[in-house]
Amino acid sequence: MDTQIDELIKKEEKRQREELQLIPSENYASKNVLAPLSSVLSNKYSEGYIGKRYYQGNTYIDEVENLAIERAKKLFSCNFANVQPLSGTPANISVYLALLKPGDKIMSMNLASGGHLSHGSPVSVVSTLFNIVFYDVSEQTGVLDYDQILEQAKKEKPQLIIAGASAYPRIIDFEKFSQIAKEVGAYLMADIAHIAGLVASELHPSPFPFADVVTTTTHKTLRGPRGGLILWNNQDLSAQINKAVFPGGVQAGPHNNVHAAKAVCFYEAMQPEFKTYTQQVIINAKVLGDELRTHSFNLVSSGTDNHLLLVDLRNKGTGGKTIAQALDKAGIIVNYNMIPYDPSTPFKPSGIRLGTPAVTSRGMVEKDMVKIAGFINQAVENLSDDVELAKIREQVINFTSSFKVPGLDT
């Protein structure tokens, strides 16, 4: 045994038990999901696709990948799936390479309005390959203005429109995005990485049949392993999408152990208790947001329809990074984040982003969200007082001790 790594893992287990995990893109996978990740499936190379590998000895690997594909198709009610992408960004880039030529125009949500780096941020490789234009949320309401997006699309004439976000707390209307894309002759790609679990539970409108291609991660609200997934309905796109993932994309040998974990994740997401879970995720997010507002926190778009909250901290007199660091000392884990039309920089943004998938996985309900909002408020009121923050941390440790961690304790 490597005692150093073993000790670090134990420390991380302790941290996950003791702290409140409120980053909306993080969650806890079950023991059944975690088990295949450390299996002998990771020993095998399997470049290529089912029945068409570049290596021999893939009889059972083919069966694992096929099972993951069939379950993904059933879960999301679509015709085709590629489970090989290593994560969300490789999945997105593979779609761009499949559908576009270098220099083609992509229209996506601005990072500051809630978009994702892989949608064409200037710091991403995507911006060097394609021409990127951004749409924003309304400065007044913090929500998408589809009429404005349509007018912008008519002006810009993109080849691809991306509907999806990493920090948008409201419902995304994929049907309206589809109408916009058709109006300008563009492909529509829906990135549902954050809301995949809600879509699978029919608690958020599905991007099908409206999107040409759908991408997602399998962690976050799906509670699966860290990985990516591409879904589509039109068989005419199959060859180019699969070829873009391999051999023409950003990866080669797929991770077979992760395919198996994805298959388990998709199976779990089809069980009745998963919908009960995702319903509670949304309820908890709404209650947490309402409670934060009673403590004078301003929420972007005035609330949430999904699993996450974006908090505008300008009325608190300090930035998101300072508050996120203070909350960390108190055992409350969030991430600092830009808000729409942020007057500050990405390095010192004016907001924090938080969500309820992980705490809901631990069994927390509405009354616990009231408690968590109180902890957050206490910490923000004592930003510079390390002694007081340490006291809040002890309260948090005592509070979390009543809740098991999936994958560790159950």
Protein backbone atom coordinates (compact mmCIF):
# COMPACT_ATOMS: atom_id res chain seq x y z
CA MET A 1 0.00 0.00 0.00
CA ASP A 2 1.16 3.52 -0.77
CA THR A 3 0.70 4.94 2.71
CA GLN A 4 1.10 8.57 1.61
CA ILE A 5 -1.70 8.39 -0.94
CA ASP A 6 -3.82 6.32 1.45
CA GLU A 7 -3.44 8.98 4.11
CA LEU A 8 -4.37 11.76 1.70
CA ILE A 9 -7.49 9.86 0.62
CA LYS A 10 -8.50 9.43 4.25
CA LYS A 11 -8.05 13.16 4.82
CA GLU A 12 -10.24 13.89 1.81
CA GLU A 13 -12.88 11.46 3.11
CA LYS A 14 -12.85 13.32 6.44
CA ARG A 15 -13.16 16.66 4.65
CA GLN A 16 -16.13 15.44 2.61
CA ARG A 17 -17.88 14.19 5.74
CA GLU A 18 -17.29 17.34 7.78
CA GLU A 19 -17.90 20.11 5.25
CA LEU A 20 -20.99 21.39 3.48
CA GLN A 21 -20.45 20.82 -0.23
CA LEU A 22 -22.42 23.54 -2.02
CA ILE A 23 -20.59 23.76 -5.35
CA PRO A 24 -23.43 22.98 -7.80
CA SER A 25 -21.21 20.99 -10.18
CA GLU A 26 -20.13 18.55 -7.47
CA ASN A 27 -21.94 15.57 -6.02
CA TYR A 28 -21.42 12.20 -4.35
CA ALA A 29 -21.41 9.01 -6.40
CA SER A 30 -22.77 5.81 -4.88
CA LYS A 31 -20.58 2.85 -3.97
CA ASN A 32 -22.01 1.01 -6.97
CA VAL A 33 -20.88 3.81 -9.28
CA LEU A 34 -17.45 4.05 -7.65
CA ALA A 35 -16.78 0.29 -7.72
CA PRO A 36 -16.10 -0.13 -11.49
CA LEU A 37 -13.64 2.77 -11.43
CA SER A 38 -11.11 0.69 -9.53
CA SER A 39 -11.82 -2.52 -11.47
CA VAL A 40 -9.69 -4.45 -13.99
CA LEU A 41 -11.59 -2.66 -16.77
CA SER A 42 -9.00 0.10 -16.45
CA ASN A 43 -6.30 -2.34 -17.62
CA LYS A 44 -7.63 -2.58 -21.18
CA TYR A 45 -6.94 -0.50 -24.27
CA SER A 46 -9.97 -0.26 -26.58
CA GLU A 47 -9.35 2.42 -29.21
CA GLY A 48 -12.17 2.37 -31.75
CA TYR A 49 -15.79 1.37 -31.38
CA ILE A 50 -17.87 -1.71 -30.64
CA GLY A 51 -16.85 -4.50 -33.01
CA LYS A 52 -14.28 -2.23 -34.67
CA ARG A 53 -11.40 -2.00 -32.20
CA TYR A 54 -7.74 -1.45 -32.99
CA TYR A 55 -6.85 -3.91 -30.21
CA GLN A 56 -7.88 -7.52 -29.66
CA GLY A 57 -9.36 -8.85 -26.43
CA ASN A 58 -12.30 -6.44 -26.23
CA THR A 59 -15.21 -8.92 -26.15
CA TYR A 60 -16.41 -7.87 -22.71
CA ILE A 61 -15.35 -4.26 -23.12
CA ASP A 62 -17.70 -4.11 -26.11
CA GLU A 63 -20.53 -5.43 -23.94
CA VAL A 64 -19.82 -2.85 -21.22
CA GLU A 65 -19.80 0.04 -23.69
CA ASN A 66 -22.93 -1.21 -25.44
CA LEU A 67 -24.77 -1.46 -22.12
CA ALA A 68 -23.78 2.11 -21.26
CA ILE A 69 -24.95 3.32 -24.69
CA GLU A 70 -28.31 1.53 -24.50
CA ARG A 71 -28.99 2.84 -21.01
CA ALA A 72 -28.05 6.41 -22.00
CA LYS A 73 -30.43 6.26 -24.97
CA LYS A 74 -33.25 4.96 -22.81
CA LEU A 75 -32.64 7.49 -20.02
CA PHE A 76 -32.69 10.50 -22.34
CA SER A 77 -35.14 9.10 -24.94
CA CYS A 78 -32.87 9.52 -27.94
CA ASN A 79 -31.61 7.34 -30.78
CA PHE A 80 -27.82 7.55 -30.52
CA ALA A 81 -25.18 8.01 -27.82
CA ASN A 82 -21.40 8.16 -27.58
CA VAL A 83 -20.19 7.41 -24.05
CA GLN A 84 -16.48 7.77 -24.79
CA PRO A 85 -15.85 11.50 -24.11
CA LEU A 86 -13.60 11.87 -21.10
CA SER A 87 -15.51 14.90 -19.82
CA GLY A 88 -17.77 17.73 -20.87
CA THR A 89 -15.21 19.88 -22.64
CA PRO A 90 -13.90 17.03 -24.86
CA ALA A 91 -17.52 16.20 -25.68
CA ASN A 92 -18.22 19.80 -26.68
CA ILE A 93 -15.07 20.15 -28.75
CA SER A 94 -15.83 16.87 -30.51
CA VAL A 95 -19.25 18.22 -31.54
CA TYR A 96 -17.71 21.42 -32.88
CA LEU A 97 -15.22 19.41 -34.91
CA ALA A 98 -18.00 17.16 -36.19
CA LEU A 99 -20.37 19.89 -37.32
CA LEU A 100 -18.15 22.83 -38.23
CA LYS A 101 -15.15 23.91 -40.25
CA PRO A 102 -12.35 26.00 -38.72
CA GLY A 103 -13.40 29.63 -38.75
CA ASP A 104 -17.13 28.90 -38.63
CA LYS A 105 -19.18 31.00 -36.24
CA ILE A 106 -20.50 29.75 -32.89
CA MET A 107 -23.05 31.76 -30.90
CA SER A 108 -23.13 30.92 -27.20
CA MET A 109 -23.87 32.35 -23.78
CA ASN A 110 -21.29 34.77 -22.46
CA LEU A 111 -19.23 33.36 -19.59
CA ALA A 112 -20.19 36.35 -17.46
CA SER A 113 -23.88 35.64 -18.09
CA GLY A 114 -23.53 32.01 -17.01
CA GLY A 115 -21.92 30.24 -19.97
CA HIS A 116 -18.99 27.82 -19.90
CA LEU A 117 -15.35 28.14 -20.89
CA SER A 118 -15.73 25.43 -23.54
CA HIS A 119 -18.46 27.45 -25.27
CA GLY A 120 -15.84 29.77 -26.71
CA SER A 121 -14.28 31.86 -23.96
CA PRO A 122 -11.21 33.78 -25.22
CA VAL A 123 -9.01 31.69 -22.88
CA SER A 124 -10.25 28.44 -24.46
CA VAL A 125 -8.74 26.71 -27.48
CA VAL A 126 -12.24 26.84 -28.97
CA SER A 127 -11.84 30.57 -29.60
CA THR A 128 -8.70 29.95 -31.68
CA LEU A 129 -10.47 27.43 -33.92
CA PHE A 130 -13.81 29.13 -34.41
CA ASN A 131 -15.33 32.60 -34.62
CA ILE A 132 -17.23 33.17 -31.36
CA VAL A 133 -20.04 35.61 -30.66
CA PHE A 134 -21.88 35.75 -27.35
CA TYR A 135 -25.42 36.42 -26.25
CA ASP A 136 -26.18 37.67 -22.74
CA VAL A 137 -28.98 37.57 -20.23
CA SER A 138 -31.07 40.69 -19.69
CA GLU A 139 -29.30 43.23 -17.50
CA GLN A 140 -32.64 44.07 -15.85
CA THR A 141 -33.95 40.58 -15.12
CA GLY A 142 -30.92 38.26 -15.28
CA VAL A 143 -32.83 35.88 -17.57
CA LEU A 144 -32.56 35.04 -21.26
CA ASP A 145 -34.33 37.35 -23.70
CA TYR A 146 -35.16 35.08 -26.64
CA ASP A 147 -36.33 37.93 -28.86
CA GLN A 148 -32.97 39.64 -28.40
CA ILE A 149 -31.14 36.37 -29.08
CA LEU A 150 -33.13 35.92 -32.29
CA GLU A 151 -32.24 39.42 -33.50
CA GLN A 152 -28.59 38.81 -32.70
CA ALA A 153 -28.65 35.46 -34.50
CA LYS A 154 -30.15 37.09 -37.60
CA LYS A 155 -27.36 39.65 -37.56
CA GLU A 156 -24.48 37.24 -36.86
CA LYS A 157 -25.71 34.22 -38.87
CA PRO A 158 -23.82 31.57 -36.86
CA GLN A 159 -23.37 28.01 -38.07
CA LEU A 160 -23.91 26.67 -34.52
CA ILE A 161 -25.91 27.98 -31.57
CA ILE A 162 -25.23 26.60 -28.10
CA ALA A 163 -28.04 26.48 -25.55
CA GLY A 164 -26.60 25.68 -22.15
CA ALA A 165 -24.90 27.16 -19.13
CA SER A 166 -22.85 26.55 -16.02
CA ALA A 167 -24.28 29.35 -13.86
CA TYR A 168 -27.83 30.02 -15.05
CA PRO A 169 -30.51 29.40 -12.40
CA ARG A 170 -33.56 29.45 -14.66
CA ILE A 171 -35.30 27.12 -17.13
CA ILE A 172 -33.75 27.05 -20.61
CA ASP A 173 -36.36 27.00 -23.38
CA PHE A 174 -34.84 24.61 -25.91
CA GLU A 175 -37.85 24.88 -28.20
CA LYS A 176 -37.33 28.63 -28.57
CA PHE A 177 -33.63 28.08 -29.20
CA SER A 178 -34.57 25.55 -31.89
CA GLN A 179 -36.84 28.08 -33.58
CA ILE A 180 -34.00 30.62 -33.54
CA ALA A 181 -31.52 28.11 -34.99
CA LYS A 182 -33.92 27.13 -37.76
CA GLU A 183 -34.55 30.79 -38.56
CA VAL A 184 -30.85 31.33 -39.35
CA GLY A 185 -30.01 27.85 -40.64
CA ALA A 186 -27.76 26.92 -37.72
CA TYR A 187 -27.21 23.68 -35.86
CA LEU A 188 -28.44 23.70 -32.26
CA MET A 189 -26.32 22.07 -29.58
CA ALA A 190 -27.69 21.80 -26.05
CA ASP A 191 -25.16 21.49 -23.24
CA ILE A 192 -27.09 20.07 -20.28
CA ALA A 193 -24.08 19.24 -18.11
CA HIS A 194 -25.55 20.96 -15.06
CA ILE A 195 -29.18 19.95 -15.47
CA ALA A 196 -28.82 16.41 -16.88
CA GLY A 197 -30.23 14.80 -13.75
CA LEU A 198 -33.21 17.15 -13.81
CA VAL A 199 -33.79 16.45 -17.52
CA ALA A 200 -33.57 12.70 -16.90
CA SER A 201 -36.22 13.08 -14.19
CA GLU A 202 -38.43 15.23 -16.43
CA LEU A 203 -38.10 18.14 -14.00
CA HIS A 204 -36.55 20.36 -16.65
CA PRO A 205 -37.73 20.42 -20.29
CA SER A 206 -35.74 18.02 -22.44
CA PRO A 207 -33.59 19.32 -25.30
CA PHE A 208 -35.05 16.52 -27.44
CA PRO A 209 -36.52 16.68 -30.02
CA PHE A 210 -35.35 20.27 -30.48
CA ALA A 211 -31.54 20.06 -30.42
CA ASP A 212 -29.45 18.50 -33.18
CA VAL A 213 -26.88 17.33 -30.62
CA VAL A 214 -26.86 17.22 -26.82
CA THR A 215 -23.77 17.08 -24.63
CA THR A 216 -23.47 16.54 -20.92
CA THR A 217 -21.23 15.43 -18.12
CA THR A 218 -22.19 12.41 -16.07
CA HIS A 219 -21.30 13.78 -12.65
CA LYS A 220 -23.10 16.84 -11.25
CA THR A 221 -26.87 16.22 -10.96
CA LEU A 222 -26.59 12.74 -12.53
CA ARG A 223 -24.46 11.51 -9.57
CA GLY A 224 -22.23 9.46 -11.85
CA PRO A 225 -18.47 9.26 -12.47
CA ARG A 226 -16.54 12.19 -13.89
CA GLY A 227 -17.08 11.85 -17.63
CA GLY A 228 -18.81 13.14 -20.75
CA LEU A 229 -21.61 12.02 -23.05
CA ILE A 230 -22.92 12.98 -26.51
CA LEU A 231 -26.52 12.27 -27.55
CA TRP A 232 -28.38 12.79 -30.85
CA ASN A 233 -31.33 11.56 -32.93
CA ASN A 234 -30.35 12.01 -36.58
CA GLN A 235 -28.48 8.98 -37.94
CA ASP A 236 -26.95 11.19 -40.64
CA LEU A 237 -24.82 12.83 -37.93
CA SER A 238 -23.57 9.55 -36.43
CA ALA A 239 -20.48 8.97 -38.55
CA GLN A 240 -19.13 12.49 -38.18
CA ILE A 241 -19.79 12.70 -34.42
CA ASN A 242 -18.20 9.33 -33.69
CA LYS A 243 -15.23 10.13 -35.93
CA ALA A 244 -14.76 13.48 -34.20
CA VAL A 245 -14.50 11.75 -30.81
CA PHE A 246 -12.11 9.13 -32.22
CA PRO A 247 -9.85 9.23 -34.12
CA GLY A 248 -10.32 12.86 -35.13
CA GLY A 249 -10.92 14.53 -31.79
CA VAL A 250 -9.08 15.31 -28.61
CA GLN A 251 -8.67 11.80 -27.20
CA ALA A 252 -7.72 8.26 -28.17
CA GLY A 253 -8.04 5.32 -25.77
CA PRO A 254 -11.37 5.44 -23.93
CA HIS A 255 -11.63 4.77 -20.20
CA ASN A 256 -13.51 1.48 -20.00
CA ASN A 257 -13.80 1.56 -16.22
CA VAL A 258 -15.62 4.90 -16.52
CA HIS A 259 -17.97 3.45 -19.18
CA ALA A 260 -19.03 0.83 -16.66
CA ALA A 261 -19.54 3.46 -13.97
CA LYS A 262 -21.60 5.51 -16.42
CA ALA A 263 -23.76 2.47 -17.12
CA VAL A 264 -24.41 2.09 -13.38
CA CYS A 265 -25.16 5.80 -13.11
CA PHE A 266 -27.72 5.63 -15.94
CA TYR A 267 -29.35 2.60 -14.31
CA GLU A 268 -29.61 4.43 -10.97
CA ALA A 269 -31.07 7.50 -12.68
CA MET A 270 -33.89 5.36 -14.10
CA GLN A 271 -35.04 4.27 -10.65
CA PRO A 272 -38.06 5.97 -8.99
CA GLU A 273 -35.99 7.14 -6.02
CA PHE A 274 -33.78 9.20 -8.32
CA LYS A 275 -36.70 11.43 -9.30
CA THR A 276 -37.54 11.80 -5.62
CA TYR A 277 -33.96 12.93 -5.11
CA THR A 278 -33.97 15.47 -7.95
CA GLN A 279 -37.32 16.87 -6.81
CA GLN A 280 -35.75 17.50 -3.41
CA VAL A 281 -32.70 19.11 -5.04
CA ILE A 282 -34.94 21.75 -6.61
CA ILE A 283 -37.01 22.24 -3.45
CA ASN A 284 -33.84 22.67 -1.41
CA ALA A 285 -32.40 25.19 -3.86
CA LYS A 286 -35.57 27.30 -3.70
CA VAL A 287 -35.67 27.20 0.11
CA LEU A 288 -31.97 28.00 0.40
CA GLY A 289 -32.43 30.95 -1.95
CA ASP A 290 -35.46 32.23 -0.04
CA GLU A 291 -33.58 32.00 3.25
CA LEU A 292 -30.53 33.79 1.87
CA ARG A 293 -32.79 36.60 0.72
CA THR A 294 -34.09 36.99 4.29
CA HIS A 295 -30.46 37.65 5.21
CA SER A 296 -30.25 40.39 2.54
CA PHE A 297 -28.41 38.36 -0.09
CA ASN A 298 -29.32 39.36 -3.64
CA LEU A 299 -29.96 36.50 -6.06
CA VAL A 300 -29.34 36.89 -9.77
CA SER A 301 -32.74 36.54 -11.53
CA SER A 302 -34.32 36.77 -8.04
CA GLY A 303 -34.31 33.01 -7.49
CA THR A 304 -33.92 29.62 -9.16
CA ASP A 305 -35.80 27.00 -11.14
CA ASN A 306 -33.10 24.36 -10.86
CA HIS A 307 -30.30 23.19 -8.58
CA LEU A 308 -28.14 26.32 -8.36
CA LEU A 309 -28.10 29.87 -7.06
CA LEU A 310 -25.99 32.78 -8.24
CA VAL A 311 -25.54 35.38 -5.52
CA ASP A 312 -24.74 39.04 -6.24
CA LEU A 313 -22.61 40.21 -3.30
CA ARG A 314 -22.13 43.85 -4.20
CA ASN A 315 -24.44 44.98 -1.40
CA LYS A 316 -22.21 43.10 1.07
CA GLY A 317 -19.29 45.40 0.38
CA THR A 318 -16.83 42.69 -0.61
CA GLY A 319 -16.11 40.36 -3.52
CA GLY A 320 -16.98 36.74 -4.15
CA LYS A 321 -13.44 35.47 -3.71
CA THR A 322 -13.11 36.95 -0.23
CA ILE A 323 -16.44 35.51 0.83
CA ALA A 324 -15.75 32.08 -0.71
CA GLN A 325 -12.45 31.92 1.18
CA ALA A 326 -14.12 32.89 4.46
CA LEU A 327 -16.85 30.29 3.93
CA ASP A 328 -14.12 27.70 3.29
CA LYS A 329 -12.67 28.46 6.72
CA ALA A 330 -16.14 27.88 8.14
CA GLY A 331 -16.44 24.50 6.39
CA ILE A 332 -18.85 25.74 3.72
CA ILE A 333 -17.63 25.09 0.18
CA VAL A 334 -18.85 27.34 -2.65
CA ASN A 335 -17.07 28.90 -5.61
CA TYR A 336 -16.60 32.56 -6.44
CA ASN A 337 -18.21 33.45 -9.74
CA MET A 338 -18.87 36.34 -12.07
CA ILE A 339 -22.37 37.78 -12.20
CA PRO A 340 -24.00 39.17 -15.36
CA TYR A 341 -22.51 42.55 -16.29
CA ASP A 342 -20.01 42.17 -13.47
CA PRO A 343 -18.09 45.42 -12.91
CA SER A 344 -15.15 43.44 -11.55
CA THR A 345 -12.82 40.83 -13.07
CA PRO A 346 -12.95 37.00 -13.23
CA PHE A 347 -10.15 36.94 -10.65
CA LYS A 348 -12.13 39.07 -8.19
CA PRO A 349 -15.75 38.57 -9.24
CA SER A 350 -18.78 40.02 -7.50
CA GLY A 351 -20.63 36.78 -6.88
CA ILE A 352 -20.62 33.26 -5.55
CA ARG A 353 -22.28 30.19 -7.05
CA LEU A 354 -23.82 27.52 -4.87
CA GLY A 355 -26.17 24.59 -5.27
CA THR A 356 -27.92 21.74 -3.53
CA PRO A 357 -27.10 18.45 -5.38
CA ALA A 358 -24.47 17.23 -2.90
CA VAL A 359 -26.20 18.20 0.34
CA THR A 360 -29.42 16.65 -0.96
CA SER A 361 -27.53 13.44 -1.69
CA ARG A 362 -26.68 13.39 2.02
CA GLY A 363 -30.37 13.49 2.90
CA MET A 364 -30.74 17.15 3.80
CA VAL A 365 -34.18 18.72 3.39
CA GLU A 366 -35.87 22.11 3.75
CA LYS A 367 -35.20 22.68 7.45
CA ASP A 368 -31.54 21.95 6.84
CA MET A 369 -31.40 24.62 4.13
CA VAL A 370 -32.60 27.14 6.71
CA LYS A 371 -29.71 26.08 8.94
CA ILE A 372 -27.19 26.30 6.10
CA ALA A 373 -28.36 29.80 5.14
CA GLY A 374 -27.81 30.80 8.75
CA PHE A 375 -24.26 29.42 8.72
CA ILE A 376 -23.52 31.32 5.51
CA ASN A 377 -24.85 34.55 6.95
CA GLN A 378 -22.84 34.11 10.17
CA ALA A 379 -19.66 33.58 8.18
CA VAL A 380 -20.23 36.60 5.95
CA GLU A 381 -20.87 38.75 9.02
CA ASN A 382 -17.51 37.61 10.44
CA LEU A 383 -15.35 37.63 7.31
CA SER A 384 -12.16 38.78 9.00
CA ASP A 385 -12.61 37.02 12.32
CA ASP A 386 -10.80 33.68 12.07
CA VAL A 387 -11.75 32.78 15.64
CA GLU A 388 -15.44 33.22 14.89
CA LEU A 389 -15.10 31.38 11.57
CA ALA A 390 -13.49 28.47 13.43
CA LYS A 391 -16.46 28.41 15.81
CA ILE A 392 -18.86 28.27 12.87
CA ARG A 393 -16.79 25.44 11.43
CA GLU A 394 -17.29 23.44 14.62
CA GLN A 395 -21.04 24.03 14.35
CA VAL A 396 -20.93 22.83 10.74
CA ILE A 397 -18.99 19.70 11.72
CA ASN A 398 -21.52 18.92 14.42
CA PHE A 399 -24.36 19.52 11.96
CA THR A 400 -22.94 17.36 9.15
CA SER A 401 -22.18 14.48 11.52
CA SER A 402 -25.88 13.57 11.36
CA PHE A 403 -25.74 12.93 7.60
CA LYS A 404 -24.09 10.05 5.79
CA VAL A 405 -21.96 10.53 2.68
CA PRO A 406 -22.97 8.33 -0.29
CA GLY A 407 -20.06 6.24 -1.46
CA LEU A 408 -18.41 6.43 1.96
CA ASP A 409 -21.04 5.64 4.56
CA THR A 410 -23.81 3.96 2.54
